């Protein structure tokens, strides 16, 4: 992996809580996090009402200039195909051997794109993905987060497990990931000293 830039997709109705651990701790590990929207400079509004101005337009995103594409969940994934360009970008990333991480509603977008048909994955719920009509239902795994090669998936209640899988895929926090997970997922006070030792 040559790039140390992680790209976070941003769009209206983005679920704010789903990617905060991953992006904050990747930045602390020396990665640069850049936001990508349909249009650079055109603000989007998260589900909490927070406005984000994308750094980069999706049309200008190149897999070879990225370490990872993160797709947060959003209500828009179930309201039509406005976000289909992001799942098409995910296909381009995976075809280029660059990792993609999708959580919650974004997994439904990937299912509609056919990207979960042959990969182990998880999401909000098996019936949510089944409603997309995708062909990968037998590859669904009841787990907090799942990594299959270059694809990381998780459900909406597991932002910490999602981040842990992303760190593992990018080689971040080697030797400290278990402590990080125990601190933020399990509230294990002993993990704080391990993480910061």
Protein backbone atom coordinates (compact mmCIF):
# COMPACT_ATOMS: atom_id res chain seq x y z
CA UNK A 1 0.00 0.00 0.00
CA UNK A 2 1.57 3.26 -1.08
CA UNK A 3 -1.16 5.77 -0.26
CA UNK A 4 -1.80 6.91 3.30
CA UNK A 5 -5.02 8.69 2.32
CA UNK A 6 -8.35 7.27 3.40
CA UNK A 7 -11.44 8.51 1.57
CA UNK A 8 -14.71 8.89 3.49
CA UNK A 9 -17.83 9.12 1.35
CA UNK A 10 -20.21 11.84 2.54
CA UNK A 11 -23.80 12.36 1.46
CA UNK A 12 -27.13 13.56 2.80
CA UNK A 13 -28.54 11.42 5.65
CA UNK A 14 -25.08 9.97 6.46
CA UNK A 15 -25.22 8.16 9.82
CA UNK A 16 -22.81 10.24 11.90
CA UNK A 17 -21.94 7.63 14.54
CA UNK A 18 -20.84 4.86 12.23
CA UNK A 19 -17.39 5.98 11.11
CA UNK A 20 -16.08 8.27 13.86
CA UNK A 21 -13.88 5.69 15.59
CA UNK A 22 -12.36 4.56 12.31
CA UNK A 23 -11.59 7.99 10.89
CA UNK A 24 -10.37 9.58 14.13
CA UNK A 25 -8.04 6.73 15.00
CA UNK A 26 -6.76 6.34 11.44
CA UNK A 27 -5.84 10.03 11.53
CA UNK A 28 -4.03 9.43 14.84
CA UNK A 29 -2.13 6.59 13.13
CA UNK A 30 -0.83 8.95 10.44
CA UNK A 31 -3.44 8.52 7.72
CA UNK A 32 -4.98 11.53 6.00
CA UNK A 33 -8.78 11.41 5.88
CA UNK A 34 -10.42 13.21 2.96
CA UNK A 35 -14.15 13.47 2.36
CA UNK A 36 -15.67 12.63 -1.02
CA UNK A 37 -19.07 13.84 -2.18
CA UNK A 38 -20.96 13.80 -5.43
CA UNK A 39 -19.74 17.39 -5.90
CA UNK A 40 -16.69 18.96 -4.25
CA UNK A 41 -17.58 22.02 -2.26
CA UNK A 42 -21.33 21.29 -2.22
CA UNK A 43 -22.36 20.74 1.43
CA UNK A 44 -24.15 17.60 2.53
CA UNK A 45 -26.19 17.23 5.71
CA UNK A 46 -25.83 14.22 8.00
CA UNK A 47 -28.73 12.55 9.76
CA UNK A 48 -27.88 14.71 12.82
CA UNK A 49 -28.08 17.89 10.75
CA UNK A 50 -24.32 18.47 10.63
CA UNK A 51 -23.10 20.08 7.39
CA UNK A 52 -19.98 18.68 5.74
CA UNK A 53 -18.30 20.21 2.71
CA UNK A 54 -16.62 17.43 0.67
CA UNK A 55 -12.92 17.81 -0.10
CA UNK A 56 -13.18 15.96 -3.39
CA UNK A 57 -15.76 15.16 -6.06
CA UNK A 58 -16.50 11.47 -6.58
CA UNK A 59 -15.61 11.79 -10.28
CA UNK A 60 -12.09 12.80 -9.25
CA UNK A 61 -11.56 9.86 -6.89
CA UNK A 62 -8.96 7.34 -8.08
CA UNK A 63 -8.36 3.99 -6.36
CA UNK A 64 -4.62 4.21 -6.95
CA UNK A 65 -4.52 7.41 -4.89
CA UNK A 66 -6.27 5.84 -1.91
CA UNK A 67 -5.63 3.34 0.86
CA UNK A 68 -9.34 2.75 1.54
CA UNK A 69 -12.85 3.92 0.67
CA UNK A 70 -15.27 4.08 3.62
CA UNK A 71 -19.00 4.08 2.90
CA UNK A 72 -21.13 5.04 5.92
CA UNK A 73 -24.77 4.11 6.12
CA UNK A 74 -27.45 6.58 5.07
CA UNK A 75 -31.21 6.55 4.66
CA UNK A 76 -30.63 7.51 1.01
CA UNK A 77 -29.40 3.98 0.26
CA UNK A 78 -33.00 2.77 0.58
CA UNK A 79 -34.63 5.75 -1.14
CA UNK A 80 -33.58 5.26 -4.75
CA UNK A 81 -30.30 5.21 -6.64
CA UNK A 82 -28.90 8.65 -5.83
CA UNK A 83 -25.98 6.96 -4.04
CA UNK A 84 -25.38 4.33 -6.74
CA UNK A 85 -22.30 6.25 -7.97
CA UNK A 86 -20.66 5.49 -4.61
CA UNK A 87 -21.28 1.76 -4.94
CA UNK A 88 -19.94 1.92 -8.50
CA UNK A 89 -16.83 3.56 -7.04
CA UNK A 90 -16.63 0.70 -4.53
CA UNK A 91 -16.63 -1.74 -7.44
CA UNK A 92 -13.77 0.18 -9.09
CA UNK A 93 -11.81 0.10 -5.81
CA UNK A 94 -12.30 -3.63 -5.30
CA UNK A 95 -11.44 -4.34 -8.95
CA UNK A 96 -8.21 -2.38 -8.42
CA UNK A 97 -7.36 -4.29 -5.23
CA UNK A 98 -7.99 -1.30 -2.95
CA UNK A 99 -10.03 -1.99 0.20
CA UNK A 100 -13.60 -0.82 0.78
CA UNK A 101 -15.34 -0.64 4.15
CA UNK A 102 -19.15 -0.37 4.27
CA UNK A 103 -21.42 -0.17 7.28
CA UNK A 104 -25.20 -0.35 7.76
CA UNK A 105 -27.19 0.98 4.80
CA UNK A 106 -24.09 1.11 2.61
CA UNK A 107 -24.03 -2.69 2.67
CA UNK A 108 -27.47 -2.64 0.98
CA UNK A 109 -25.97 -0.40 -1.69
CA UNK A 110 -23.17 -2.92 -2.20
CA UNK A 111 -25.72 -5.74 -2.35
CA UNK A 112 -27.62 -3.94 -5.13
CA UNK A 113 -24.30 -3.47 -6.97
CA UNK A 114 -23.68 -7.25 -6.77
CA UNK A 115 -20.57 -6.82 -4.62
CA UNK A 116 -21.79 -9.11 -1.83
CA UNK A 117 -22.84 -12.00 -4.05
CA UNK A 118 -19.52 -13.85 -3.71
CA UNK A 119 -18.05 -12.35 -0.52
CA UNK A 120 -18.68 -13.11 3.13
CA UNK A 121 -20.39 -10.08 4.67
CA UNK A 122 -22.69 -8.74 7.34
CA UNK A 123 -24.96 -5.71 7.62
CA UNK A 124 -27.86 -4.28 9.59
CA UNK A 125 -29.84 -7.53 9.29
CA UNK A 126 -30.03 -10.42 6.86
CA UNK A 127 -33.62 -9.57 5.88
CA UNK A 128 -32.61 -5.98 5.08
CA UNK A 129 -30.05 -7.22 2.57
CA UNK A 130 -32.42 -9.92 1.28
CA UNK A 131 -34.92 -7.17 0.41
CA UNK A 132 -32.43 -5.88 -2.18
CA UNK A 133 -32.90 -9.09 -4.19
CA UNK A 134 -29.18 -9.80 -4.15
CA UNK A 135 -27.72 -13.26 -4.80
CA UNK A 136 -25.39 -13.42 -1.80
CA UNK A 137 -27.74 -14.32 1.06
CA UNK A 138 -25.88 -17.58 1.73
CA UNK A 139 -22.69 -15.56 2.33
CA UNK A 140 -24.30 -13.46 5.10
CA UNK A 141 -22.54 -13.88 8.47
CA UNK A 142 -24.13 -13.07 11.84
CA UNK A 143 -21.16 -11.16 13.24
CA UNK A 144 -20.29 -7.67 14.47
CA UNK A 145 -18.04 -7.05 11.47
CA UNK A 146 -16.70 -9.22 8.65
CA UNK A 147 -13.62 -8.92 6.46
CA UNK A 148 -13.42 -10.88 3.21
CA UNK A 149 -10.27 -9.95 1.33
CA UNK A 150 -10.51 -6.25 0.51
CA UNK A 151 -14.07 -5.81 1.78
CA UNK A 152 -15.04 -4.92 5.36
CA UNK A 153 -18.72 -4.84 6.36
CA UNK A 154 -20.56 -4.13 9.61
CA UNK A 155 -23.98 -3.33 11.00
CA UNK A 156 -25.04 0.06 12.43
CA UNK A 157 -24.52 -0.88 16.07
CA UNK A 158 -20.90 -1.93 15.62
CA UNK A 159 -18.75 1.11 14.79
CA UNK A 160 -16.00 -0.15 17.12
CA UNK A 161 -15.81 -3.60 15.52
CA UNK A 162 -15.96 -1.90 12.11
CA UNK A 163 -12.97 0.28 13.03
CA UNK A 164 -11.02 -2.72 14.37
CA UNK A 165 -11.46 -4.58 11.07
CA UNK A 166 -10.38 -1.49 9.12
CA UNK A 167 -7.27 -1.12 11.29
CA UNK A 168 -6.40 -4.77 10.70
CA UNK A 169 -6.85 -4.47 6.94
CA UNK A 170 -4.61 -1.37 6.82
CA UNK A 171 -2.04 -2.66 9.31
CA UNK A 172 -2.76 0.10 11.83
CA UNK A 173 -2.18 -0.37 15.56
CA UNK A 174 -0.23 -3.60 15.18
CA UNK A 175 0.12 -5.16 18.63
CA UNK A 176 -2.38 -2.66 20.08
CA UNK A 177 -5.64 -3.48 18.24
CA UNK A 178 -6.85 -5.92 20.89
CA UNK A 179 -6.28 -3.36 23.64
CA UNK A 180 -7.97 -0.65 21.56
CA UNK A 181 -11.01 -2.89 21.00
CA UNK A 182 -11.24 -3.91 24.65
CA UNK A 183 -11.07 -0.27 25.72
CA UNK A 184 -13.71 1.09 23.36
CA UNK A 185 -15.97 -1.94 22.99
CA UNK A 186 -15.74 -3.53 26.43
CA UNK A 187 -14.78 -0.52 28.60
CA UNK A 188 -11.84 -2.54 29.96
CA UNK A 189 -9.76 -0.11 32.07
CA UNK A 190 -6.68 -2.35 31.86
CA UNK A 191 -6.69 -1.84 28.08
CA UNK A 192 -6.01 1.89 28.48
CA UNK A 193 -2.53 1.26 29.89
CA UNK A 194 -1.83 -1.32 27.16
CA UNK A 195 -2.94 1.02 24.42
CA UNK A 196 -0.95 3.95 25.72
CA UNK A 197 2.07 2.00 27.00
